[in-house]
């Protein structure tokens, strides 16, 4: 009779894998809590009108409105300024009113 030779393999140590992510690009840029990491990690912007508890954005406050415009006169997005949706709409409306009344320029050349 032929002898049966049974090889026994030793189990290797389990390999530690990172949690599977749907998108591998975001897996590299975020830590376990989902926040951005590294030197370019930006803090979440807070709406300055909500922080100061401003009810309405006034079209006559030109210096406040200029903070939400580019040097060329374009209105900055809420993503750039950190405004919430409600106050971004009020800023947009106030800038357009101030432009209409010639308090702010439409375009700076």
PDB file of N, CA and C in Angstrom:
ATOM      1  N   UNK A   1       0.810  -1.169   0.000  1.00  0.00           N
ATOM      2  CA  UNK A   1       0.000   0.000   0.000  1.00  0.00           C
ATOM      3  C   UNK A   1       0.867   1.251   0.000  1.00  0.00           C
ATOM      4  N   UNK A   2       0.342   2.250  -0.672  1.00  0.00           N
ATOM      5  CA  UNK A   2       1.071   3.503  -0.766  1.00  0.00           C
ATOM      6  C   UNK A   2       0.772   4.345   0.473  1.00  0.00           C
ATOM      7  N   UNK A   3       1.821   4.911   0.951  1.00  0.00           N
ATOM      8  CA  UNK A   3       1.620   5.761   2.119  1.00  0.00           C
ATOM      9  C   UNK A   3       1.090   7.120   1.661  1.00  0.00           C
ATOM     10  N   UNK A   4       0.144   7.590   2.385  1.00  0.00           N
ATOM     11  CA  UNK A   4      -0.389   8.914   2.068  1.00  0.00           C
ATOM     12  C   UNK A   4       0.440   9.953   2.801  1.00  0.00           C
ATOM     13  N   UNK A   5       0.884  10.908   2.029  1.00  0.00           N
ATOM     14  CA  UNK A   5       1.700  11.962   2.611  1.00  0.00           C
ATOM     15  C   UNK A   5       0.837  13.222   2.737  1.00  0.00           C
ATOM     16  N   UNK A   6       0.625  13.655   3.940  1.00  0.00           N
ATOM     17  CA  UNK A   6      -0.201  14.833   4.188  1.00  0.00           C
ATOM     18  C   UNK A   6       0.720  15.965   4.624  1.00  0.00           C
ATOM     19  N   UNK A   7       0.649  17.060   3.861  1.00  0.00           N
ATOM     20  CA  UNK A   7       1.453  18.217   4.223  1.00  0.00           C
ATOM     21  C   UNK A   7       0.628  19.130   5.106  1.00  0.00           C
ATOM     22  N   UNK A   8       1.218  19.563   6.147  1.00  0.00           N
ATOM     23  CA  UNK A   8       0.539  20.519   7.014  1.00  0.00           C
ATOM     24  C   UNK A   8       1.193  21.876   6.811  1.00  0.00           C
ATOM     25  N   UNK A   9       0.374  22.853   6.576  1.00  0.00           N
ATOM     26  CA  UNK A   9       0.884  24.201   6.380  1.00  0.00           C
ATOM     27  C   UNK A   9       0.642  24.990   7.659  1.00  0.00           C
ATOM     28  N   UNK A  10       1.618  25.726   8.031  1.00  0.00           N
ATOM     29  CA  UNK A  10       1.438  26.584   9.196  1.00  0.00           C
ATOM     30  C   UNK A  10       0.740  27.853   8.735  1.00  0.00           C
ATOM     31  N   UNK A  11      -0.153  28.280   9.548  1.00  0.00           N
ATOM     32  CA  UNK A  11      -0.910  29.484   9.201  1.00  0.00           C
ATOM     33  C   UNK A  11      -0.050  30.712   9.448  1.00  0.00           C
ATOM     34  N   UNK A  12      -0.038  31.595   8.496  1.00  0.00           N
ATOM     35  CA  UNK A  12       0.703  32.841   8.638  1.00  0.00           C
ATOM     36  C   UNK A  12      -0.099  33.787   9.525  1.00  0.00           C
ATOM     37  N   UNK A  13       0.580  34.749  10.074  1.00  0.00           N
ATOM     38  CA  UNK A  13      -0.091  35.735  10.914  1.00  0.00           C
ATOM     39  C   UNK A  13      -1.094  36.508  10.062  1.00  0.00           C
ATOM     40  N   UNK A  14      -2.253  36.823  10.630  1.00  0.00           N
ATOM     41  CA  UNK A  14      -3.251  37.552   9.839  1.00  0.00           C
ATOM     42  C   UNK A  14      -2.719  38.920   9.426  1.00  0.00           C
ATOM     43  N   UNK A  15      -3.014  39.289   8.216  1.00  0.00           N
ATOM     44  CA  UNK A  15      -2.549  40.560   7.668  1.00  0.00           C
ATOM     45  C   UNK A  15      -3.555  41.634   8.052  1.00  0.00           C
ATOM     46  N   UNK A  16      -3.040  42.735   8.573  1.00  0.00           N
ATOM     47  CA  UNK A  16      -3.894  43.858   8.947  1.00  0.00           C
ATOM     48  C   UNK A  16      -4.218  44.659   7.696  1.00  0.00           C
ATOM     49  N   UNK A  17      -5.478  44.775   7.377  1.00  0.00           N
ATOM     50  CA  UNK A  17      -5.910  45.556   6.225  1.00  0.00           C
ATOM     51  C   UNK A  17      -6.663  46.776   6.711  1.00  0.00           C
ATOM     52  N   UNK A  18      -6.533  47.849   5.970  1.00  0.00           N
ATOM     53  CA  UNK A  18      -7.317  49.040   6.266  1.00  0.00           C
ATOM     54  C   UNK A  18      -8.769  48.757   5.917  1.00  0.00           C
ATOM     55  N   UNK A  19      -9.645  49.490   6.520  1.00  0.00           N
ATOM     56  CA  UNK A  19     -11.066  49.303   6.240  1.00  0.00           C
ATOM     57  C   UNK A  19     -11.319  49.578   4.769  1.00  0.00           C
ATOM     58  N   UNK A  20     -12.110  48.758   4.115  1.00  0.00           N
ATOM     59  CA  UNK A  20     -12.368  48.984   2.689  1.00  0.00           C
ATOM     60  C   UNK A  20     -13.165  50.266   2.490  1.00  0.00           C
ATOM     61  N   UNK A  21     -12.723  51.074   1.553  1.00  0.00           N
ATOM     62  CA  UNK A  21     -13.398  52.328   1.226  1.00  0.00           C
ATOM     63  C   UNK A  21     -13.970  52.221  -0.176  1.00  0.00           C
ATOM     64  N   UNK A  22     -15.031  52.928  -0.383  1.00  0.00           N
ATOM     65  CA  UNK A  22     -15.648  52.932  -1.705  1.00  0.00           C
ATOM     66  C   UNK A  22     -14.742  53.630  -2.716  1.00  0.00           C
ATOM     67  N   UNK A  23     -14.109  54.691  -2.291  1.00  0.00           N
ATOM     68  CA  UNK A  23     -13.261  55.467  -3.187  1.00  0.00           C
ATOM     69  C   UNK A  23     -11.835  55.467  -2.644  1.00  0.00           C
ATOM     70  N   UNK A  24     -10.889  54.876  -3.334  1.00  0.00           N
ATOM     71  CA  UNK A  24      -9.524  54.814  -2.798  1.00  0.00           C
ATOM     72  C   UNK A  24      -8.853  56.176  -2.697  1.00  0.00           C
ATOM     73  N   UNK A  25      -9.331  57.165  -3.454  1.00  0.00           N
ATOM     74  CA  UNK A  25      -8.718  58.492  -3.375  1.00  0.00           C
ATOM     75  C   UNK A  25      -9.010  59.144  -2.039  1.00  0.00           C
ATOM     76  N   UNK A  26     -10.223  58.975  -1.525  1.00  0.00           N
ATOM     77  CA  UNK A  26     -10.558  59.579  -0.241  1.00  0.00           C
ATOM     78  C   UNK A  26      -9.955  58.802   0.907  1.00  0.00           C
ATOM     79  N   UNK A  27      -9.660  57.540   0.711  1.00  0.00           N
ATOM     80  CA  UNK A  27      -9.082  56.728   1.779  1.00  0.00           C
ATOM     81  C   UNK A  27      -7.698  57.242   2.154  1.00  0.00           C
ATOM     82  N   UNK A  28      -6.971  57.754   1.200  1.00  0.00           N
ATOM     83  CA  UNK A  28      -5.626  58.241   1.485  1.00  0.00           C
ATOM     84  C   UNK A  28      -5.645  59.596   2.171  1.00  0.00           C
ATOM     85  N   UNK A  29      -6.670  60.377   1.945  1.00  0.00           N
ATOM     86  CA  UNK A  29      -6.687  61.741   2.455  1.00  0.00           C
ATOM     87  C   UNK A  29      -7.398  61.894   3.787  1.00  0.00           C
ATOM     88  N   UNK A  30      -8.049  60.854   4.252  1.00  0.00           N
ATOM     89  CA  UNK A  30      -8.801  60.980   5.490  1.00  0.00           C
ATOM     90  C   UNK A  30      -8.289  59.983   6.511  1.00  0.00           C
ATOM     91  N   UNK A  31      -8.522  60.293   7.774  1.00  0.00           N
ATOM     92  CA  UNK A  31      -8.152  59.341   8.810  1.00  0.00           C
ATOM     93  C   UNK A  31      -9.376  58.498   9.159  1.00  0.00           C
ATOM     94  N   UNK A  32      -9.310  57.756  10.244  1.00  0.00           N
ATOM     95  CA  UNK A  32     -10.386  56.826  10.593  1.00  0.00           C
ATOM     96  C   UNK A  32     -11.703  57.540  10.879  1.00  0.00           C
ATOM     97  N   UNK A  33     -11.645  58.761  11.369  1.00  0.00           N
ATOM     98  CA  UNK A  33     -12.876  59.479  11.692  1.00  0.00           C
ATOM     99  C   UNK A  33     -13.481  60.178  10.482  1.00  0.00           C
ATOM    100  N   UNK A  34     -12.812  60.153   9.338  1.00  0.00           N
ATOM    101  CA  UNK A  34     -13.347  60.772   8.134  1.00  0.00           C
ATOM    102  C   UNK A  34     -12.890  62.196   7.929  1.00  0.00           C
ATOM    103  N   UNK A  35     -12.105  62.725   8.865  1.00  0.00           N
ATOM    104  CA  UNK A  35     -11.617  64.090   8.720  1.00  0.00           C
ATOM    105  C   UNK A  35     -10.363  64.115   7.863  1.00  0.00           C
ATOM    106  N   UNK A  36     -10.128  65.257   7.242  1.00  0.00           N
ATOM    107  CA  UNK A  36      -8.915  65.404   6.435  1.00  0.00           C
ATOM    108  C   UNK A  36      -7.714  65.461   7.356  1.00  0.00           C
ATOM    109  N   UNK A  37      -6.597  64.980   6.854  1.00  0.00           N
ATOM    110  CA  UNK A  37      -5.388  64.985   7.657  1.00  0.00           C
ATOM    111  C   UNK A  37      -4.249  65.570   6.842  1.00  0.00           C
ATOM    112  N   UNK A  38      -3.181  65.865   7.487  1.00  0.00           N
ATOM    113  CA  UNK A  38      -2.002  66.358   6.803  1.00  0.00           C
ATOM    114  C   UNK A  38      -1.891  67.869   6.878  1.00  0.00           C
ATOM    115  N   UNK A  39      -0.868  68.406   6.231  1.00  0.00           N
ATOM    116  CA  UNK A  39      -0.627  69.842   6.331  1.00  0.00           C
ATOM    117  C   UNK A  39      -1.687  70.685   5.622  1.00  0.00           C
ATOM    118  N   UNK A  40      -2.410  70.108   4.681  1.00  0.00           N
ATOM    119  CA  UNK A  40      -3.412  70.875   3.951  1.00  0.00           C
ATOM    120  C   UNK A  40      -4.813  70.703   4.530  1.00  0.00           C
ATOM    121  N   UNK A  41      -4.930  70.094   5.691  1.00  0.00           N
ATOM    122  CA  UNK A  41      -6.238  69.874   6.295  1.00  0.00           C
ATOM    123  C   UNK A  41      -6.811  71.218   6.734  1.00  0.00           C
ATOM    124  N   UNK A  42      -7.948  71.560   6.190  1.00  0.00           N
ATOM    125  CA  UNK A  42      -8.562  72.844   6.486  1.00  0.00           C
ATOM    126  C   UNK A  42      -9.631  72.678   7.554  1.00  0.00           C
ATOM    127  N   UNK A  43      -9.729  73.679   8.408  1.00  0.00           N
ATOM    128  CA  UNK A  43     -10.797  73.667   9.400  1.00  0.00           C
ATOM    129  C   UNK A  43     -12.101  73.995   8.707  1.00  0.00           C
ATOM    130  N   UNK A  44     -13.185  73.486   9.251  1.00  0.00           N
ATOM    131  CA  UNK A  44     -14.491  73.769   8.683  1.00  0.00           C
ATOM    132  C   UNK A  44     -14.807  75.235   8.929  1.00  0.00           C
ATOM    133  N   UNK A  45     -15.246  75.918   7.888  1.00  0.00           N
ATOM    134  CA  UNK A  45     -15.557  77.329   8.010  1.00  0.00           C
ATOM    135  C   UNK A  45     -16.914  77.494   8.674  1.00  0.00           C
ATOM    136  N   UNK A  46     -17.042  78.536   9.458  1.00  0.00           N
ATOM    137  CA  UNK A  46     -18.282  78.806  10.168  1.00  0.00           C
ATOM    138  C   UNK A  46     -18.872  80.088   9.606  1.00  0.00           C
ATOM    139  N   UNK A  47     -20.175  80.093   9.429  1.00  0.00           N
ATOM    140  CA  UNK A  47     -20.864  81.282   8.928  1.00  0.00           C
ATOM    141  C   UNK A  47     -20.694  82.414   9.934  1.00  0.00           C
ATOM    142  N   UNK A  48     -20.118  83.517   9.496  1.00  0.00           N
ATOM    143  CA  UNK A  48     -19.860  84.608  10.435  1.00  0.00           C
ATOM    144  C   UNK A  48     -21.141  85.310  10.853  1.00  0.00           C
ATOM    145  N   UNK A  49     -22.172  85.256  10.027  1.00  0.00           N
ATOM    146  CA  UNK A  49     -23.443  85.871  10.394  1.00  0.00           C
ATOM    147  C   UNK A  49     -24.155  85.047  11.460  1.00  0.00           C
ATOM    148  N   UNK A  50     -24.057  83.728  11.360  1.00  0.00           N
ATOM    149  CA  UNK A  50     -24.641  82.865  12.397  1.00  0.00           C
ATOM    150  C   UNK A  50     -23.876  83.022  13.705  1.00  0.00           C
ATOM    151  N   UNK A  51     -22.542  83.139  13.621  1.00  0.00           N
ATOM    152  CA  UNK A  51     -21.720  83.282  14.819  1.00  0.00           C
ATOM    153  C   UNK A  51     -22.020  84.596  15.534  1.00  0.00           C
ATOM    154  N   UNK A  52     -22.286  85.658  14.774  1.00  0.00           N
ATOM    155  CA  UNK A  52     -22.589  86.965  15.360  1.00  0.00           C
ATOM    156  C   UNK A  52     -24.083  87.162  15.575  1.00  0.00           C
ATOM    157  N   UNK A  53     -24.867  86.155  15.229  1.00  0.00           N
ATOM    158  CA  UNK A  53     -26.331  86.175  15.369  1.00  0.00           C
ATOM    159  C   UNK A  53     -26.968  87.366  14.639  1.00  0.00           C
ATOM    160  N   UNK A  54     -26.523  87.580  13.402  1.00  0.00           N
ATOM    161  CA  UNK A  54     -27.078  88.639  12.559  1.00  0.00           C
ATOM    162  C   UNK A  54     -28.360  88.116  11.929  1.00  0.00           C
ATOM    163  N   UNK A  55     -29.438  88.893  12.035  1.00  0.00           N
ATOM    164  CA  UNK A  55     -30.725  88.462  11.485  1.00  0.00           C
ATOM    165  C   UNK A  55     -30.759  88.694   9.981  1.00  0.00           C
ATOM    166  N   UNK A  56     -30.458  89.915   9.543  1.00  0.00           N
ATOM    167  CA  UNK A  56     -30.495  90.250   8.122  1.00  0.00           C
ATOM    168  C   UNK A  56     -29.183  90.910   7.706  1.00  0.00           C
ATOM    169  N   UNK A  57     -28.751  90.609   6.494  1.00  0.00           N
ATOM    170  CA  UNK A  57     -27.566  91.241   5.922  1.00  0.00           C
ATOM    171  C   UNK A  57     -28.040  92.510   5.227  1.00  0.00           C
ATOM    172  N   UNK A  58     -27.440  93.639   5.584  1.00  0.00           N
ATOM    173  CA  UNK A  58     -27.894  94.930   5.074  1.00  0.00           C
ATOM    174  C   UNK A  58     -27.088  95.327   3.839  1.00  0.00           C
ATOM    175  N   UNK A  59     -27.769  95.817   2.813  1.00  0.00           N
ATOM    176  CA  UNK A  59     -27.098  96.205   1.569  1.00  0.00           C
ATOM    177  C   UNK A  59     -26.295  97.487   1.733  1.00  0.00           C
ATOM    178  N   UNK A  60     -26.511  98.224   2.821  1.00  0.00           N
ATOM    179  CA  UNK A  60     -25.799  99.479   3.036  1.00  0.00           C
ATOM    180  C   UNK A  60     -24.449  99.285   3.724  1.00  0.00           C
ATOM    181  N   UNK A  61     -24.167  98.085   4.209  1.00  0.00           N
ATOM    182  CA  UNK A  61     -22.886  97.806   4.863  1.00  0.00           C
ATOM    183  C   UNK A  61     -21.879  97.349   3.803  1.00  0.00           C
ATOM    184  N   UNK A  62     -21.302  98.319   3.132  1.00  0.00           N
ATOM    185  CA  UNK A  62     -20.453  98.057   1.979  1.00  0.00           C
ATOM    186  C   UNK A  62     -19.189  97.289   2.368  1.00  0.00           C
ATOM    187  N   UNK A  63     -18.569  97.640   3.493  1.00  0.00           N
ATOM    188  CA  UNK A  63     -17.333  96.964   3.900  1.00  0.00           C
ATOM    189  C   UNK A  63     -17.576  95.490   4.215  1.00  0.00           C
ATOM    190  N   UNK A  64     -18.730  95.176   4.771  1.00  0.00           N
ATOM    191  CA  UNK A  64     -19.069  93.776   5.052  1.00  0.00           C
ATOM    192  C   UNK A  64     -19.269  93.028   3.740  1.00  0.00           C
ATOM    193  N   UNK A  65     -19.968  93.646   2.801  1.00  0.00           N
ATOM    194  CA  UNK A  65     -20.254  92.987   1.527  1.00  0.00           C
ATOM    195  C   UNK A  65     -18.994  92.795   0.681  1.00  0.00           C
ATOM    196  N   UNK A  66     -18.036  93.717   0.788  1.00  0.00           N
ATOM    197  CA  UNK A  66     -16.795  93.587   0.013  1.00  0.00           C
ATOM    198  C   UNK A  66     -15.999  92.348   0.427  1.00  0.00           C
ATOM    199  N   UNK A  67     -16.187  91.887   1.653  1.00  0.00           N
ATOM    200  CA  UNK A  67     -15.479  90.686   2.118  1.00  0.00           C
ATOM    201  C   UNK A  67     -15.961  89.440   1.387  1.00  0.00           C
ATOM    202  N   UNK A  68     -17.132  89.518   0.772  1.00  0.00           N
ATOM    203  CA  UNK A  68     -17.714  88.372   0.077  1.00  0.00           C
ATOM    204  C   UNK A  68     -17.627  88.521  -1.437  1.00  0.00           C
ATOM    205  N   UNK A  69     -16.726  89.403  -1.894  1.00  0.00           N
ATOM    206  CA  UNK A  69     -16.522  89.618  -3.320  1.00  0.00           C
ATOM    207  C   UNK A  69     -15.044  89.452  -3.651  1.00  0.00           C
ATOM    208  N   UNK A  70     -14.770  89.070  -4.904  1.00  0.00           N
ATOM    209  CA  UNK A  70     -13.385  88.993  -5.360  1.00  0.00           C
ATOM    210  C   UNK A  70     -12.902  90.397  -5.697  1.00  0.00           C
ATOM    211  N   UNK A  71     -11.623  90.508  -6.004  1.00  0.00           N
ATOM    212  CA  UNK A  71     -11.073  91.810  -6.392  1.00  0.00           C
ATOM    213  C   UNK A  71     -11.684  92.315  -7.684  1.00  0.00           C
ATOM    214  N   UNK A  72     -12.111  91.387  -8.534  1.00  0.00           N
ATOM    215  CA  UNK A  72     -12.710  91.798  -9.805  1.00  0.00           C
ATOM    216  C   UNK A  72     -14.203  92.087  -9.678  1.00  0.00           C
ATOM    217  N   UNK A  73     -14.782  91.860  -8.508  1.00  0.00           N
ATOM    218  CA  UNK A  73     -16.181  92.208  -8.296  1.00  0.00           C
ATOM    219  C   UNK A  73     -17.144  91.043  -8.319  1.00  0.00           C
ATOM    220  N   UNK A  74     -16.662  89.826  -8.478  1.00  0.00           N
ATOM    221  CA  UNK A  74     -17.558  88.664  -8.495  1.00  0.00           C
ATOM    222  C   UNK A  74     -17.948  88.277  -7.071  1.00  0.00           C
ATOM    223  N   UNK A  75     -19.125  87.704  -6.935  1.00  0.00           N
ATOM    224  CA  UNK A  75     -19.596  87.238  -5.631  1.00  0.00           C
ATOM    225  C   UNK A  75     -18.962  85.879  -5.352  1.00  0.00           C
ATOM    226  N   UNK A  76     -18.342  85.749  -4.181  1.00  0.00           N
ATOM    227  CA  UNK A  76     -17.728  84.479  -3.795  1.00  0.00           C
ATOM    228  C   UNK A  76     -18.804  83.475  -3.398  1.00  0.00           C
ATOM    229  N   UNK A  77     -18.534  82.210  -3.633  1.00  0.00           N
ATOM    230  CA  UNK A  77     -19.499  81.167  -3.295  1.00  0.00           C
ATOM    231  C   UNK A  77     -19.525  80.942  -1.784  1.00  0.00           C
ATOM    232  N   UNK A  78     -20.598  80.344  -1.333  1.00  0.00           N
ATOM    233  CA  UNK A  78     -20.720  80.027   0.085  1.00  0.00           C
ATOM    234  C   UNK A  78     -19.686  79.022   0.537  1.00  0.00           C
ATOM    235  N   UNK A  79     -19.244  78.208  -0.379  1.00  0.00           N
ATOM    236  CA  UNK A  79     -18.209  77.233  -0.058  1.00  0.00           C
ATOM    237  C   UNK A  79     -16.876  77.911   0.226  1.00  0.00           C
ATOM    238  N   UNK A  80     -16.624  78.997  -0.475  1.00  0.00           N
ATOM    239  CA  UNK A  80     -15.382  79.739  -0.261  1.00  0.00           C
ATOM    240  C   UNK A  80     -15.447  80.587   1.004  1.00  0.00           C
ATOM    241  N   UNK A  81     -16.606  81.188   1.261  1.00  0.00           N
ATOM    242  CA  UNK A  81     -16.727  82.099   2.392  1.00  0.00           C
ATOM    243  C   UNK A  81     -17.112  81.400   3.680  1.00  0.00           C
ATOM    244  N   UNK A  82     -17.746  80.236   3.587  1.00  0.00           N
ATOM    245  CA  UNK A  82     -18.185  79.524   4.781  1.00  0.00           C
ATOM    246  C   UNK A  82     -19.578  79.905   5.222  1.00  0.00           C
ATOM    247  N   UNK A  83     -20.270  80.701   4.425  1.00  0.00           N
ATOM    248  CA  UNK A  83     -21.630  81.101   4.791  1.00  0.00           C
ATOM    249  C   UNK A  83     -22.588  79.927   4.701  1.00  0.00           C
ATOM    250  N   UNK A  84     -23.601  79.941   5.561  1.00  0.00           N
ATOM    251  CA  UNK A  84     -24.664  78.952   5.432  1.00  0.00           C
ATOM    252  C   UNK A  84     -25.538  79.373   4.248  1.00  0.00           C
ATOM    253  N   UNK A  85     -26.432  78.498   3.823  1.00  0.00           N
ATOM    254  CA  UNK A  85     -27.241  78.766   2.625  1.00  0.00           C
ATOM    255  C   UNK A  85     -28.125  79.995   2.813  1.00  0.00           C
ATOM    256  N   UNK A  86     -28.711  80.131   3.988  1.00  0.00           N
ATOM    257  CA  UNK A  86     -29.608  81.263   4.258  1.00  0.00           C
ATOM    258  C   UNK A  86     -28.861  82.589   4.139  1.00  0.00           C
ATOM    259  N   UNK A  87     -27.710  82.689   4.792  1.00  0.00           N
ATOM    260  CA  UNK A  87     -26.984  83.950   4.765  1.00  0.00           C
ATOM    261  C   UNK A  87     -26.276  84.179   3.436  1.00  0.00           C
ATOM    262  N   UNK A  88     -25.940  83.121   2.719  1.00  0.00           N
ATOM    263  CA  UNK A  88     -25.360  83.301   1.387  1.00  0.00           C
ATOM    264  C   UNK A  88     -26.387  83.912   0.444  1.00  0.00           C
ATOM    265  N   UNK A  89     -27.641  83.490   0.559  1.00  0.00           N
ATOM    266  CA  UNK A  89     -28.708  84.105  -0.260  1.00  0.00           C
ATOM    267  C   UNK A  89     -28.866  85.576   0.093  1.00  0.00           C
ATOM    268  N   UNK A  90     -28.812  85.907   1.387  1.00  0.00           N
ATOM    269  CA  UNK A  90     -28.946  87.301   1.806  1.00  0.00           C
ATOM    270  C   UNK A  90     -27.760  88.138   1.331  1.00  0.00           C
ATOM    271  N   UNK A  91     -26.567  87.577   1.380  1.00  0.00           N
ATOM    272  CA  UNK A  91     -25.379  88.293   0.895  1.00  0.00           C
ATOM    273  C   UNK A  91     -25.510  88.555  -0.593  1.00  0.00           C
ATOM    274  N   UNK A  92     -25.911  87.534  -1.342  1.00  0.00           N
ATOM    275  CA  UNK A  92     -26.077  87.688  -2.793  1.00  0.00           C
ATOM    276  C   UNK A  92     -27.100  88.773  -3.110  1.00  0.00           C
ATOM    277  N   UNK A  93     -28.227  88.729  -2.425  1.00  0.00           N
ATOM    278  CA  UNK A  93     -29.286  89.711  -2.654  1.00  0.00           C
ATOM    279  C   UNK A  93     -28.808  91.119  -2.283  1.00  0.00           C
ATOM    280  N   UNK A  94     -28.078  91.240  -1.166  1.00  0.00           N
ATOM    281  CA  UNK A  94     -27.596  92.552  -0.728  1.00  0.00           C
ATOM    282  C   UNK A  94     -26.556  93.118  -1.684  1.00  0.00           C
ATOM    283  N   UNK A  95     -25.674  92.271  -2.192  1.00  0.00           N
ATOM    284  CA  UNK A  95     -24.665  92.741  -3.153  1.00  0.00           C
ATOM    285  C   UNK A  95     -25.340  93.217  -4.429  1.00  0.00           C
ATOM    286  N   UNK A  96     -26.339  92.489  -4.881  1.00  0.00           N
ATOM    287  CA  UNK A  96     -27.041  92.893  -6.101  1.00  0.00           C
ATOM    288  C   UNK A  96     -27.804  94.198  -5.900  1.00  0.00           C
ATOM    289  N   UNK A  97     -28.386  94.386  -4.724  1.00  0.00           N
ATOM    290  CA  UNK A  97     -29.067  95.656  -4.435  1.00  0.00           C
ATOM    291  C   UNK A  97     -28.068  96.806  -4.385  1.00  0.00           C
ATOM    292  N   UNK A  98     -26.930  96.580  -3.730  1.00  0.00           N
ATOM    293  CA  UNK A  98     -25.911  97.625  -3.627  1.00  0.00           C
ATOM    294  C   UNK A  98     -25.348  97.974  -5.004  1.00  0.00           C
ATOM    295  N   UNK A  99     -25.211  96.994  -5.871  1.00  0.00           N
ATOM    296  CA  UNK A  99     -24.762  97.269  -7.241  1.00  0.00           C
ATOM    297  C   UNK A  99     -25.786  98.105  -7.983  1.00  0.00           C
ATOM    298  N   UNK A 100     -27.046  97.770  -7.812  1.00  0.00           N
ATOM    299  CA  UNK A 100     -28.122  98.479  -8.494  1.00  0.00           C
ATOM    300  C   UNK A 100     -28.197  99.937  -8.049  1.00  0.00           C
ATOM    301  N   UNK A 101     -27.871 100.200  -6.785  1.00  0.00           N
ATOM    302  CA  UNK A 101     -27.895 101.565  -6.262  1.00  0.00           C
ATOM    303  C   UNK A 101     -26.544 102.267  -6.405  1.00  0.00           C
ATOM    304  N   UNK A 102     -25.622 101.652  -7.122  1.00  0.00           N
ATOM    305  CA  UNK A 102     -24.278 102.191  -7.381  1.00  0.00           C
ATOM    306  C   UNK A 102     -23.442 102.335  -6.112  1.00  0.00           C
ATOM    307  N   UNK A 103     -23.716 101.524  -5.115  1.00  0.00           N
ATOM    308  CA  UNK A 103     -22.873 101.513  -3.925  1.00  0.00           C
ATOM    309  C   UNK A 103     -21.672 100.588  -4.120  1.00  0.00           C
ATOM    310  N   UNK A 104     -21.843  99.581  -4.967  1.00  0.00           N
ATOM    311  CA  UNK A 104     -20.771  98.648  -5.317  1.00  0.00           C
ATOM    312  C   UNK A 104     -20.660  98.586  -6.835  1.00  0.00           C
ATOM    313  N   UNK A 105     -19.458  98.382  -7.349  1.00  0.00           N
ATOM    314  CA  UNK A 105     -19.317  98.257  -8.803  1.00  0.00           C
ATOM    315  C   UNK A 105     -19.727  96.866  -9.282  1.00  0.00           C
ATOM    316  N   UNK A 106     -20.211  96.798 -10.508  1.00  0.00           N
ATOM    317  CA  UNK A 106     -20.513  95.501 -11.113  1.00  0.00           C
ATOM    318  C   UNK A 106     -19.218  94.776 -11.444  1.00  0.00           C
ATOM    319  N   UNK A 107     -18.272  95.503 -12.041  1.00  0.00           N
ATOM    320  CA  UNK A 107     -16.999  94.925 -12.458  1.00  0.00           C
ATOM    321  C   UNK A 107     -15.899  95.923 -12.127  1.00  0.00           C
ATOM    322  N   UNK A 108     -14.785  95.416 -11.611  1.00  0.00           N
ATOM    323  CA  UNK A 108     -13.624  96.261 -11.358  1.00  0.00           C
ATOM    324  C   UNK A 108     -12.593  95.933 -12.420  1.00  0.00           C
ATOM    325  N   UNK A 109     -12.166  96.944 -13.156  1.00  0.00           N
ATOM    326  CA  UNK A 109     -11.204  96.714 -14.241  1.00  0.00           C
ATOM    327  C   UNK A 109      -9.787  96.850 -13.783  1.00  0.00           C
TER     328      UNK A 109
END
